[in-house]
Amino acid sequence: MTEAVKKIVKVDTTTSVPSDCLTWIKEEAQCKGYYTYQGSLNTEPYTESVTWILYTTPIHVSRQQVSEFRNMKSTACEQHNIVKNVRPIQTPPVHKKLDIIYARSHRKSSE
């Protein structure tokens, strides 16, 4: 992914990535299970169109990998890099139900 990001620094640029480019996550997470929930983007327009996946084991990435994403431009005028892509923790409205689903790996554990 970080190699592909180098090719899409400018807004509205595209590139292709191999279909297996994220298989390393499976091993890194040691896939003992994960949680999912429906949420929103953490940048404007905050569209509620995301299925967030939370692994029970943290997935570590290097500072170099993160810095490749930080080189991406956040505006069409290319004056600003993406340096902060988070917002404060959101509390769901009282009237809105939040479904959190826990899923386990179907493979046998070596433990």
PDB file of N, CA and C in Angstrom:
ATOM      1  N   MET A   1       0.818  -1.193   0.000  1.00  0.00           N
ATOM      2  CA  MET A   1       0.000   0.000   0.000  1.00  0.00           C
ATOM      3  C   MET A   1       0.864   1.259   0.000  1.00  0.00           C
ATOM      4  N   THR A   2       1.941   1.249   0.768  1.00  0.00           N
ATOM      5  CA  THR A   2       2.749   2.471   0.840  1.00  0.00           C
ATOM      6  C   THR A   2       3.403   2.785  -0.507  1.00  0.00           C
ATOM      7  N   GLU A   3       3.712   1.769  -1.291  1.00  0.00           N
ATOM      8  CA  GLU A   3       4.264   2.025  -2.624  1.00  0.00           C
ATOM      9  C   GLU A   3       3.198   2.646  -3.517  1.00  0.00           C
ATOM     10  N   ALA A   4       1.966   2.183  -3.399  1.00  0.00           N
ATOM     11  CA  ALA A   4       0.869   2.733  -4.199  1.00  0.00           C
ATOM     12  C   ALA A   4       0.567   4.168  -3.793  1.00  0.00           C
ATOM     13  N   VAL A   5       0.644   4.469  -2.508  1.00  0.00           N
ATOM     14  CA  VAL A   5       0.353   5.818  -2.014  1.00  0.00           C
ATOM     15  C   VAL A   5       1.298   6.834  -2.648  1.00  0.00           C
ATOM     16  N   LYS A   6       2.520   6.449  -2.913  1.00  0.00           N
ATOM     17  CA  LYS A   6       3.486   7.364  -3.529  1.00  0.00           C
ATOM     18  C   LYS A   6       3.007   7.834  -4.907  1.00  0.00           C
ATOM     19  N   LYS A   7       2.128   7.032  -5.540  1.00  0.00           N
ATOM     20  CA  LYS A   7       1.641   7.354  -6.884  1.00  0.00           C
ATOM     21  C   LYS A   7       0.348   8.161  -6.868  1.00  0.00           C
ATOM     22  N   ILE A   8      -0.235   8.369  -5.694  1.00  0.00           N
ATOM     23  CA  ILE A   8      -1.520   9.072  -5.623  1.00  0.00           C
ATOM     24  C   ILE A   8      -1.465  10.236  -4.631  1.00  0.00           C
ATOM     25  N   VAL A   9      -0.402  10.972  -4.651  1.00  0.00           N
ATOM     26  CA  VAL A   9      -0.212  12.088  -3.718  1.00  0.00           C
ATOM     27  C   VAL A   9      -1.237  13.194  -3.968  1.00  0.00           C
ATOM     28  N   LYS A  10      -1.526  13.497  -5.217  1.00  0.00           N
ATOM     29  CA  LYS A  10      -2.435  14.589  -5.554  1.00  0.00           C
ATOM     30  C   LYS A  10      -3.892  14.135  -5.470  1.00  0.00           C
ATOM     31  N   VAL A  11      -4.787  15.076  -5.142  1.00  0.00           N
ATOM     32  CA  VAL A  11      -6.216  14.821  -5.087  1.00  0.00           C
ATOM     33  C   VAL A  11      -6.711  14.349  -6.460  1.00  0.00           C
ATOM     34  N   ASP A  12      -7.626  13.390  -6.472  1.00  0.00           N
ATOM     35  CA  ASP A  12      -8.254  12.828  -7.678  1.00  0.00           C
ATOM     36  C   ASP A  12      -7.304  12.019  -8.554  1.00  0.00           C
ATOM     37  N   THR A  13      -6.205  11.538  -7.991  1.00  0.00           N
ATOM     38  CA  THR A  13      -5.294  10.661  -8.708  1.00  0.00           C
ATOM     39  C   THR A  13      -5.646   9.225  -8.340  1.00  0.00           C
ATOM     40  N   THR A  14      -5.451   8.306  -9.262  1.00  0.00           N
ATOM     41  CA  THR A  14      -5.744   6.898  -8.983  1.00  0.00           C
ATOM     42  C   THR A  14      -4.544   6.023  -9.307  1.00  0.00           C
ATOM     43  N   THR A  15      -4.555   4.829  -8.767  1.00  0.00           N
ATOM     44  CA  THR A  15      -3.554   3.821  -9.083  1.00  0.00           C
ATOM     45  C   THR A  15      -4.155   2.463  -8.780  1.00  0.00           C
ATOM     46  N   SER A  16      -3.477   1.414  -9.149  1.00  0.00           N
ATOM     47  CA  SER A  16      -3.928   0.045  -8.874  1.00  0.00           C
ATOM     48  C   SER A  16      -3.021  -0.579  -7.834  1.00  0.00           C
ATOM     49  N   VAL A  17      -3.591  -1.473  -7.051  1.00  0.00           N
ATOM     50  CA  VAL A  17      -2.813  -2.226  -6.068  1.00  0.00           C
ATOM     51  C   VAL A  17      -3.135  -3.701  -6.245  1.00  0.00           C
ATOM     52  N   PRO A  18      -2.201  -4.582  -5.916  1.00  0.00           N
ATOM     53  CA  PRO A  18      -2.481  -6.014  -6.015  1.00  0.00           C
ATOM     54  C   PRO A  18      -3.612  -6.402  -5.067  1.00  0.00           C
ATOM     55  N   SER A  19      -4.424  -7.353  -5.467  1.00  0.00           N
ATOM     56  CA  SER A  19      -5.573  -7.746  -4.653  1.00  0.00           C
ATOM     57  C   SER A  19      -5.162  -8.339  -3.309  1.00  0.00           C
ATOM     58  N   ASP A  20      -3.936  -8.794  -3.185  1.00  0.00           N
ATOM     59  CA  ASP A  20      -3.476  -9.396  -1.927  1.00  0.00           C
ATOM     60  C   ASP A  20      -2.595  -8.452  -1.103  1.00  0.00           C
ATOM     61  N   CYS A  21      -2.656  -7.161  -1.369  1.00  0.00           N
ATOM     62  CA  CYS A  21      -1.741  -6.216  -0.721  1.00  0.00           C
ATOM     63  C   CYS A  21      -1.972  -6.067   0.779  1.00  0.00           C
ATOM     64  N   LEU A  22      -3.091  -6.530   1.282  1.00  0.00           N
ATOM     65  CA  LEU A  22      -3.353  -6.408   2.716  1.00  0.00           C
ATOM     66  C   LEU A  22      -3.337  -7.757   3.438  1.00  0.00           C
ATOM     67  N   THR A  23      -2.835  -8.799   2.803  1.00  0.00           N
ATOM     68  CA  THR A  23      -2.825 -10.115   3.455  1.00  0.00           C
ATOM     69  C   THR A  23      -1.926 -10.140   4.689  1.00  0.00           C
ATOM     70  N   TRP A  24      -0.954  -9.257   4.766  1.00  0.00           N
ATOM     71  CA  TRP A  24      -0.061  -9.214   5.926  1.00  0.00           C
ATOM     72  C   TRP A  24      -0.825  -8.911   7.210  1.00  0.00           C
ATOM     73  N   ILE A  25      -1.966  -8.245   7.093  1.00  0.00           N
ATOM     74  CA  ILE A  25      -2.743  -7.903   8.286  1.00  0.00           C
ATOM     75  C   ILE A  25      -3.213  -9.156   9.011  1.00  0.00           C
ATOM     76  N   LYS A  26      -3.571 -10.176   8.260  1.00  0.00           N
ATOM     77  CA  LYS A  26      -4.062 -11.424   8.867  1.00  0.00           C
ATOM     78  C   LYS A  26      -3.037 -12.001   9.838  1.00  0.00           C
ATOM     79  N   GLU A  27      -1.803 -12.063   9.419  1.00  0.00           N
ATOM     80  CA  GLU A  27      -0.742 -12.586  10.298  1.00  0.00           C
ATOM     81  C   GLU A  27      -0.421 -11.609  11.420  1.00  0.00           C
ATOM     82  N   GLU A  28      -0.360 -10.334  11.090  1.00  0.00           N
ATOM     83  CA  GLU A  28      -0.032  -9.322  12.094  1.00  0.00           C
ATOM     84  C   GLU A  28      -1.064  -9.316  13.220  1.00  0.00           C
ATOM     85  N   ALA A  29      -2.327  -9.475  12.872  1.00  0.00           N
ATOM     86  CA  ALA A  29      -3.394  -9.450  13.868  1.00  0.00           C
ATOM     87  C   ALA A  29      -3.535 -10.796  14.576  1.00  0.00           C
ATOM     88  N   GLN A  30      -2.859 -11.802  14.075  1.00  0.00           N
ATOM     89  CA  GLN A  30      -2.948 -13.157  14.622  1.00  0.00           C
ATOM     90  C   GLN A  30      -4.408 -13.568  14.748  1.00  0.00           C
ATOM     91  N   CYS A  31      -5.199 -13.049  13.901  1.00  0.00           N
ATOM     92  CA  CYS A  31      -6.640 -13.213  13.744  1.00  0.00           C
ATOM     93  C   CYS A  31      -7.342 -14.132  14.745  1.00  0.00           C
ATOM     94  N   LYS A  32      -7.368 -13.724  15.990  1.00  0.00           N
ATOM     95  CA  LYS A  32      -8.093 -14.458  17.017  1.00  0.00           C
ATOM     96  C   LYS A  32      -9.520 -13.924  17.153  1.00  0.00           C
ATOM     97  N   GLY A  33      -9.845 -12.923  16.408  1.00  0.00           N
ATOM     98  CA  GLY A  33     -11.177 -12.340  16.425  1.00  0.00           C
ATOM     99  C   GLY A  33     -11.096 -10.850  16.194  1.00  0.00           C
ATOM    100  N   TYR A  34     -12.238 -10.260  15.917  1.00  0.00           N
ATOM    101  CA  TYR A  34     -12.293  -8.832  15.681  1.00  0.00           C
ATOM    102  C   TYR A  34     -13.705  -8.335  15.945  1.00  0.00           C
ATOM    103  N   TYR A  35     -13.826  -7.030  16.146  1.00  0.00           N
ATOM    104  CA  TYR A  35     -15.108  -6.375  16.335  1.00  0.00           C
ATOM    105  C   TYR A  35     -15.383  -5.511  15.109  1.00  0.00           C
ATOM    106  N   THR A  36     -16.638  -5.387  14.736  1.00  0.00           N
ATOM    107  CA  THR A  36     -17.000  -4.473  13.662  1.00  0.00           C
ATOM    108  C   THR A  36     -18.163  -3.594  14.118  1.00  0.00           C
ATOM    109  N   TYR A  37     -18.235  -2.421  13.553  1.00  0.00           N
ATOM    110  CA  TYR A  37     -19.404  -1.573  13.774  1.00  0.00           C
ATOM    111  C   TYR A  37     -19.547  -0.623  12.604  1.00  0.00           C
ATOM    112  N   GLN A  38     -20.765  -0.210  12.347  1.00  0.00           N
ATOM    113  CA  GLN A  38     -21.046   0.747  11.285  1.00  0.00           C
ATOM    114  C   GLN A  38     -20.775   2.139  11.834  1.00  0.00           C
ATOM    115  N   GLY A  39     -20.001   2.903  11.097  1.00  0.00           N
ATOM    116  CA  GLY A  39     -19.653   4.237  11.563  1.00  0.00           C
ATOM    117  C   GLY A  39     -19.511   5.201  10.409  1.00  0.00           C
ATOM    118  N   SER A  40     -18.778   6.265  10.669  1.00  0.00           N
ATOM    119  CA  SER A  40     -18.634   7.312   9.655  1.00  0.00           C
ATOM    120  C   SER A  40     -17.164   7.566   9.360  1.00  0.00           C
ATOM    121  N   LEU A  41     -16.937   8.268   8.261  1.00  0.00           N
ATOM    122  CA  LEU A  41     -15.589   8.720   7.934  1.00  0.00           C
ATOM    123  C   LEU A  41     -15.104   9.622   9.064  1.00  0.00           C
ATOM    124  N   ASN A  42     -13.796   9.671   9.278  1.00  0.00           N
ATOM    125  CA  ASN A  42     -13.303  10.549  10.341  1.00  0.00           C
ATOM    126  C   ASN A  42     -12.777  11.870   9.793  1.00  0.00           C
ATOM    127  N   THR A  43     -13.114  12.148   8.547  1.00  0.00           N
ATOM    128  CA  THR A  43     -12.833  13.446   7.945  1.00  0.00           C
ATOM    129  C   THR A  43     -14.109  13.924   7.250  1.00  0.00           C
ATOM    130  N   GLU A  44     -14.182  15.200   6.962  1.00  0.00           N
ATOM    131  CA  GLU A  44     -15.380  15.721   6.292  1.00  0.00           C
ATOM    132  C   GLU A  44     -15.598  14.976   4.988  1.00  0.00           C
ATOM    133  N   PRO A  45     -16.807  14.642   4.635  1.00  0.00           N
ATOM    134  CA  PRO A  45     -18.083  15.096   5.168  1.00  0.00           C
ATOM    135  C   PRO A  45     -18.655  14.181   6.259  1.00  0.00           C
ATOM    136  N   TYR A  46     -17.834  13.324   6.871  1.00  0.00           N
ATOM    137  CA  TYR A  46     -18.248  12.447   7.974  1.00  0.00           C
ATOM    138  C   TYR A  46     -19.404  11.528   7.579  1.00  0.00           C
ATOM    139  N   THR A  47     -19.437  11.111   6.340  1.00  0.00           N
ATOM    140  CA  THR A  47     -20.487  10.237   5.832  1.00  0.00           C
ATOM    141  C   THR A  47     -20.527   8.931   6.608  1.00  0.00           C
ATOM    142  N   GLU A  48     -21.706   8.481   6.974  1.00  0.00           N
ATOM    143  CA  GLU A  48     -21.870   7.221   7.709  1.00  0.00           C
ATOM    144  C   GLU A  48     -21.902   6.068   6.714  1.00  0.00           C
ATOM    145  N   SER A  49     -20.728   5.723   6.200  1.00  0.00           N
ATOM    146  CA  SER A  49     -20.641   4.710   5.147  1.00  0.00           C
ATOM    147  C   SER A  49     -19.488   3.742   5.371  1.00  0.00           C
ATOM    148  N   VAL A  50     -19.036   3.620   6.601  1.00  0.00           N
ATOM    149  CA  VAL A  50     -17.841   2.839   6.883  1.00  0.00           C
ATOM    150  C   VAL A  50     -18.167   1.676   7.820  1.00  0.00           C
ATOM    151  N   THR A  51     -17.614   0.510   7.522  1.00  0.00           N
ATOM    152  CA  THR A  51     -17.640  -0.591   8.477  1.00  0.00           C
ATOM    153  C   THR A  51     -16.260  -0.617   9.113  1.00  0.00           C
ATOM    154  N   TRP A  52     -16.178  -0.221  10.370  1.00  0.00           N
ATOM    155  CA  TRP A  52     -14.907  -0.202  11.084  1.00  0.00           C
ATOM    156  C   TRP A  52     -14.602  -1.602  11.605  1.00  0.00           C
ATOM    157  N   ILE A  53     -13.354  -2.008  11.510  1.00  0.00           N
ATOM    158  CA  ILE A  53     -12.910  -3.311  11.998  1.00  0.00           C
ATOM    159  C   ILE A  53     -11.864  -3.067  13.069  1.00  0.00           C
ATOM    160  N   LEU A  54     -12.098  -3.598  14.251  1.00  0.00           N
ATOM    161  CA  LEU A  54     -11.164  -3.459  15.367  1.00  0.00           C
ATOM    162  C   LEU A  54     -10.641  -4.836  15.733  1.00  0.00           C
ATOM    163  N   TYR A  55      -9.354  -5.042  15.574  1.00  0.00           N
ATOM    164  CA  TYR A  55      -8.741  -6.309  15.955  1.00  0.00           C
ATOM    165  C   TYR A  55      -8.459  -6.320  17.445  1.00  0.00           C
ATOM    166  N   THR A  56      -8.547  -7.490  18.060  1.00  0.00           N
ATOM    167  CA  THR A  56      -8.269  -7.598  19.489  1.00  0.00           C
ATOM    168  C   THR A  56      -6.786  -7.406  19.774  1.00  0.00           C
ATOM    169  N   THR A  57      -5.942  -7.646  18.773  1.00  0.00           N
ATOM    170  CA  THR A  57      -4.501  -7.438  18.888  1.00  0.00           C
ATOM    171  C   THR A  57      -4.127  -6.238  18.010  1.00  0.00           C
ATOM    172  N   PRO A  58      -3.415  -5.251  18.533  1.00  0.00           N
ATOM    173  CA  PRO A  58      -3.036  -4.094  17.711  1.00  0.00           C
ATOM    174  C   PRO A  58      -2.193  -4.495  16.506  1.00  0.00           C
ATOM    175  N   ILE A  59      -2.376  -3.803  15.413  1.00  0.00           N
ATOM    176  CA  ILE A  59      -1.570  -4.000  14.210  1.00  0.00           C
ATOM    177  C   ILE A  59      -0.591  -2.840  14.146  1.00  0.00           C
ATOM    178  N   HIS A  60       0.676  -3.151  14.120  1.00  0.00           N
ATOM    179  CA  HIS A  60       1.701  -2.116  14.156  1.00  0.00           C
ATOM    180  C   HIS A  60       2.186  -1.779  12.750  1.00  0.00           C
ATOM    181  N   VAL A  61       2.369  -0.508  12.502  1.00  0.00           N
ATOM    182  CA  VAL A  61       2.963  -0.030  11.260  1.00  0.00           C
ATOM    183  C   VAL A  61       4.129   0.876  11.624  1.00  0.00           C
ATOM    184  N   SER A  62       5.058   1.000  10.715  1.00  0.00           N
ATOM    185  CA  SER A  62       6.251   1.797  11.002  1.00  0.00           C
ATOM    186  C   SER A  62       5.991   3.286  10.781  1.00  0.00           C
ATOM    187  N   ARG A  63       6.856   4.104  11.354  1.00  0.00           N
ATOM    188  CA  ARG A  63       6.768   5.548  11.147  1.00  0.00           C
ATOM    189  C   ARG A  63       6.930   5.872   9.660  1.00  0.00           C
ATOM    190  N   GLN A  64       7.778   5.132   8.971  1.00  0.00           N
ATOM    191  CA  GLN A  64       7.994   5.349   7.539  1.00  0.00           C
ATOM    192  C   GLN A  64       6.707   5.084   6.756  1.00  0.00           C
ATOM    193  N   GLN A  65       5.994   4.027   7.114  1.00  0.00           N
ATOM    194  CA  GLN A  65       4.728   3.735   6.430  1.00  0.00           C
ATOM    195  C   GLN A  65       3.722   4.867   6.648  1.00  0.00           C
ATOM    196  N   VAL A  66       3.619   5.340   7.857  1.00  0.00           N
ATOM    197  CA  VAL A  66       2.698   6.437   8.157  1.00  0.00           C
ATOM    198  C   VAL A  66       3.128   7.695   7.405  1.00  0.00           C
ATOM    199  N   SER A  67       4.423   7.953   7.338  1.00  0.00           N
ATOM    200  CA  SER A  67       4.896   9.179   6.679  1.00  0.00           C
ATOM    201  C   SER A  67       4.549   9.186   5.191  1.00  0.00           C
ATOM    202  N   GLU A  68       4.489   8.019   4.561  1.00  0.00           N
ATOM    203  CA  GLU A  68       4.099   7.959   3.144  1.00  0.00           C
ATOM    204  C   GLU A  68       2.674   8.470   2.972  1.00  0.00           C
ATOM    205  N   PHE A  69       1.793   8.129   3.893  1.00  0.00           N
ATOM    206  CA  PHE A  69       0.417   8.618   3.830  1.00  0.00           C
ATOM    207  C   PHE A  69       0.356  10.108   4.150  1.00  0.00           C
ATOM    208  N   ARG A  70       1.240  10.584   5.007  1.00  0.00           N
ATOM    209  CA  ARG A  70       1.260  12.004   5.374  1.00  0.00           C
ATOM    210  C   ARG A  70       1.725  12.881   4.216  1.00  0.00           C
ATOM    211  N   ASN A  71       2.347  12.304   3.197  1.00  0.00           N
ATOM    212  CA  ASN A  71       2.763  13.069   2.017  1.00  0.00           C
ATOM    213  C   ASN A  71       1.603  13.371   1.084  1.00  0.00           C
ATOM    214  N   MET A  72       0.472  12.702   1.296  1.00  0.00           N
ATOM    215  CA  MET A  72      -0.689  12.924   0.434  1.00  0.00           C
ATOM    216  C   MET A  72      -1.224  14.342   0.660  1.00  0.00           C
ATOM    217  N   LYS A  73      -1.722  14.943  -0.405  1.00  0.00           N
ATOM    218  CA  LYS A  73      -2.276  16.300  -0.329  1.00  0.00           C
ATOM    219  C   LYS A  73      -3.733  16.225   0.096  1.00  0.00           C
ATOM    220  N   SER A  74      -4.153  17.169   0.912  1.00  0.00           N
ATOM    221  CA  SER A  74      -5.528  17.156   1.413  1.00  0.00           C
ATOM    222  C   SER A  74      -6.443  18.101   0.645  1.00  0.00           C
ATOM    223  N   THR A  75      -5.881  18.888  -0.250  1.00  0.00           N
ATOM    224  CA  THR A  75      -6.697  19.833  -1.016  1.00  0.00           C
ATOM    225  C   THR A  75      -6.254  19.834  -2.480  1.00  0.00           C
ATOM    226  N   ALA A  76      -7.168  20.217  -3.327  1.00  0.00           N
ATOM    227  CA  ALA A  76      -6.854  20.254  -4.764  1.00  0.00           C
ATOM    228  C   ALA A  76      -5.764  21.264  -5.099  1.00  0.00           C
ATOM    229  N   CYS A  77      -5.630  22.305  -4.304  1.00  0.00           N
ATOM    230  CA  CYS A  77      -4.597  23.315  -4.580  1.00  0.00           C
ATOM    231  C   CYS A  77      -3.205  22.811  -4.175  1.00  0.00           C
ATOM    232  N   GLU A  78      -3.156  21.641  -3.563  1.00  0.00           N
ATOM    233  CA  GLU A  78      -1.903  20.963  -3.194  1.00  0.00           C
ATOM    234  C   GLU A  78      -1.035  21.759  -2.233  1.00  0.00           C
ATOM    235  N   GLN A  79      -1.644  22.623  -1.438  1.00  0.00           N
ATOM    236  CA  GLN A  79      -0.870  23.398  -0.477  1.00  0.00           C
ATOM    237  C   GLN A  79      -0.782  22.741   0.887  1.00  0.00           C
ATOM    238  N   HIS A  80      -1.626  21.753   1.149  1.00  0.00           N
ATOM    239  CA  HIS A  80      -1.673  21.158   2.484  1.00  0.00           C
ATOM    240  C   HIS A  80      -1.558  19.640   2.416  1.00  0.00           C
ATOM    241  N   ASN A  81      -0.664  19.112   3.214  1.00  0.00           N
ATOM    242  CA  ASN A  81      -0.558  17.658   3.339  1.00  0.00           C
ATOM    243  C   ASN A  81      -1.545  17.165   4.390  1.00  0.00           C
ATOM    244  N   ILE A  82      -1.866  15.896   4.318  1.00  0.00           N
ATOM    245  CA  ILE A  82      -2.705  15.293   5.344  1.00  0.00           C
ATOM    246  C   ILE A  82      -1.817  15.054   6.554  1.00  0.00           C
ATOM    247  N   VAL A  83      -2.036  15.795   7.612  1.00  0.00           N
ATOM    248  CA  VAL A  83      -1.212  15.637   8.805  1.00  0.00           C
ATOM    249  C   VAL A  83      -2.029  15.181  10.011  1.00  0.00           C
ATOM    250  N   LYS A  84      -3.336  15.348   9.923  1.00  0.00           N
ATOM    251  CA  LYS A  84      -4.191  14.945  11.025  1.00  0.00           C
ATOM    252  C   LYS A  84      -5.496  14.432  10.424  1.00  0.00           C
ATOM    253  N   ASN A  85      -5.799  13.174  10.653  1.00  0.00           N
ATOM    254  CA  ASN A  85      -7.007  12.619  10.055  1.00  0.00           C
ATOM    255  C   ASN A  85      -7.921  12.008  11.111  1.00  0.00           C
ATOM    256  N   VAL A  86      -7.960  12.634  12.248  1.00  0.00           N
ATOM    257  CA  VAL A  86      -8.818  12.142  13.324  1.00  0.00           C
ATOM    258  C   VAL A  86      -9.681  13.281  13.832  1.00  0.00           C
ATOM    259  N   ARG A  87     -10.714  12.927  14.506  1.00  0.00           N
ATOM    260  CA  ARG A  87     -11.563  13.910  15.157  1.00  0.00           C
ATOM    261  C   ARG A  87     -11.824  13.412  16.563  1.00  0.00           C
ATOM    262  N   PRO A  88     -12.359  14.244  17.436  1.00  0.00           N
ATOM    263  CA  PRO A  88     -12.628  13.789  18.803  1.00  0.00           C
ATOM    264  C   PRO A  88     -13.572  12.584  18.810  1.00  0.00           C
ATOM    265  N   ILE A  89     -13.479  11.771  19.837  1.00  0.00           N
ATOM    266  CA  ILE A  89     -14.354  10.611  19.979  1.00  0.00           C
ATOM    267  C   ILE A  89     -15.803  11.073  19.941  1.00  0.00           C
ATOM    268  N   GLN A  90     -16.602  10.380  19.161  1.00  0.00           N
ATOM    269  CA  GLN A  90     -18.005  10.731  19.002  1.00  0.00           C
ATOM    270  C   GLN A  90     -18.868   9.834  19.887  1.00  0.00           C
ATOM    271  N   THR A  91     -19.878  10.407  20.495  1.00  0.00           N
ATOM    272  CA  THR A  91     -20.837   9.644  21.281  1.00  0.00           C
ATOM    273  C   THR A  91     -22.096   9.493  20.436  1.00  0.00           C
ATOM    274  N   PRO A  92     -22.565   8.242  20.232  1.00  0.00           N
ATOM    275  CA  PRO A  92     -23.773   8.076  19.417  1.00  0.00           C
ATOM    276  C   PRO A  92     -24.964   8.780  20.072  1.00  0.00           C
ATOM    277  N   PRO A  93     -25.848   9.322  19.255  1.00  0.00           N
ATOM    278  CA  PRO A  93     -27.052   9.944  19.819  1.00  0.00           C
ATOM    279  C   PRO A  93     -27.836   8.915  20.638  1.00  0.00           C
ATOM    280  N   VAL A  94     -28.515   9.368  21.665  1.00  0.00           N
ATOM    281  CA  VAL A  94     -29.263   8.486  22.555  1.00  0.00           C
ATOM    282  C   VAL A  94     -30.278   7.653  21.779  1.00  0.00           C
ATOM    283  N   HIS A  95     -30.914   8.239  20.773  1.00  0.00           N
ATOM    284  CA  HIS A  95     -31.959   7.549  20.015  1.00  0.00           C
ATOM    285  C   HIS A  95     -31.407   6.579  18.976  1.00  0.00           C
ATOM    286  N   LYS A  96     -30.084   6.538  18.802  1.00  0.00           N
ATOM    287  CA  LYS A  96     -29.501   5.687  17.772  1.00  0.00           C
ATOM    288  C   LYS A  96     -28.868   4.454  18.407  1.00  0.00           C
ATOM    289  N   LYS A  97     -29.247   3.291  17.925  1.00  0.00           N
ATOM    290  CA  LYS A  97     -28.705   2.027  18.413  1.00  0.00           C
ATOM    291  C   LYS A  97     -27.350   1.782  17.753  1.00  0.00           C
ATOM    292  N   LEU A  98     -26.372   1.363  18.525  1.00  0.00           N
ATOM    293  CA  LEU A  98     -25.044   1.063  18.009  1.00  0.00           C
ATOM    294  C   LEU A  98     -24.823  -0.439  18.108  1.00  0.00           C
ATOM    295  N   ASP A  99     -24.729  -1.104  16.973  1.00  0.00           N
ATOM    296  CA  ASP A  99     -24.511  -2.547  16.944  1.00  0.00           C
ATOM    297  C   ASP A  99     -23.026  -2.833  16.839  1.00  0.00           C
ATOM    298  N   ILE A 100     -22.497  -3.584  17.790  1.00  0.00           N
ATOM    299  CA  ILE A 100     -21.103  -4.017  17.738  1.00  0.00           C
ATOM    300  C   ILE A 100     -21.121  -5.530  17.628  1.00  0.00           C
ATOM    301  N   ILE A 101     -20.426  -6.047  16.650  1.00  0.00           N
ATOM    302  CA  ILE A 101     -20.431  -7.478  16.379  1.00  0.00           C
ATOM    303  C   ILE A 101     -19.042  -8.033  16.620  1.00  0.00           C
ATOM    304  N   TYR A 102     -18.962  -9.137  17.355  1.00  0.00           N
ATOM    305  CA  TYR A 102     -17.682  -9.813  17.577  1.00  0.00           C
ATOM    306  C   TYR A 102     -17.649 -11.044  16.694  1.00  0.00           C
ATOM    307  N   ALA A 103     -16.605 -11.206  15.940  1.00  0.00           N
ATOM    308  CA  ALA A 103     -16.451 -12.371  15.070  1.00  0.00           C
ATOM    309  C   ALA A 103     -15.138 -13.056  15.399  1.00  0.00           C
ATOM    310  N   ARG A 104     -15.157 -14.382  15.412  1.00  0.00           N
ATOM    311  CA  ARG A 104     -13.935 -15.132  15.678  1.00  0.00           C
ATOM    312  C   ARG A 104     -13.417 -15.771  14.400  1.00  0.00           C
ATOM    313  N   SER A 105     -12.138 -16.024  14.400  1.00  0.00           N
ATOM    314  CA  SER A 105     -11.524 -16.725  13.290  1.00  0.00           C
ATOM    315  C   SER A 105     -12.060 -18.154  13.260  1.00  0.00           C
ATOM    316  N   HIS A 106     -12.202 -18.701  12.066  1.00  0.00           N
ATOM    317  CA  HIS A 106     -12.696 -20.077  11.924  1.00  0.00           C
ATOM    318  C   HIS A 106     -11.561 -21.098  11.874  1.00  0.00           C
ATOM    319  N   ARG A 107     -10.338 -20.620  11.863  1.00  0.00           N
ATOM    320  CA  ARG A 107      -9.229 -21.572  11.848  1.00  0.00           C
ATOM    321  C   ARG A 107      -8.874 -21.980  13.268  1.00  0.00           C
ATOM    322  N   LYS A 108      -8.275 -23.157  13.404  1.00  0.00           N
ATOM    323  CA  LYS A 108      -7.882 -23.630  14.727  1.00  0.00           C
ATOM    324  C   LYS A 108      -6.722 -22.825  15.261  1.00  0.00           C
ATOM    325  N   SER A 109      -6.794 -22.492  16.517  1.00  0.00           N
ATOM    326  CA  SER A 109      -5.726 -21.741  17.170  1.00  0.00           C
ATOM    327  C   SER A 109      -4.603 -22.690  17.535  1.00  0.00           C
ATOM    328  N   SER A 110      -3.369 -22.197  17.512  1.00  0.00           N
ATOM    329  CA  SER A 110      -2.218 -23.035  17.892  1.00  0.00           C
ATOM    330  C   SER A 110      -1.995 -23.026  19.392  1.00  0.00           C
ATOM    331  N   GLU A 111      -2.858 -22.352  20.140  1.00  0.00           N
ATOM    332  CA  GLU A 111      -2.699 -22.275  21.582  1.00  0.00           C
ATOM    333  C   GLU A 111      -3.364 -23.447  22.261  1.00  0.00           C
TER     334      GLU A 111
END
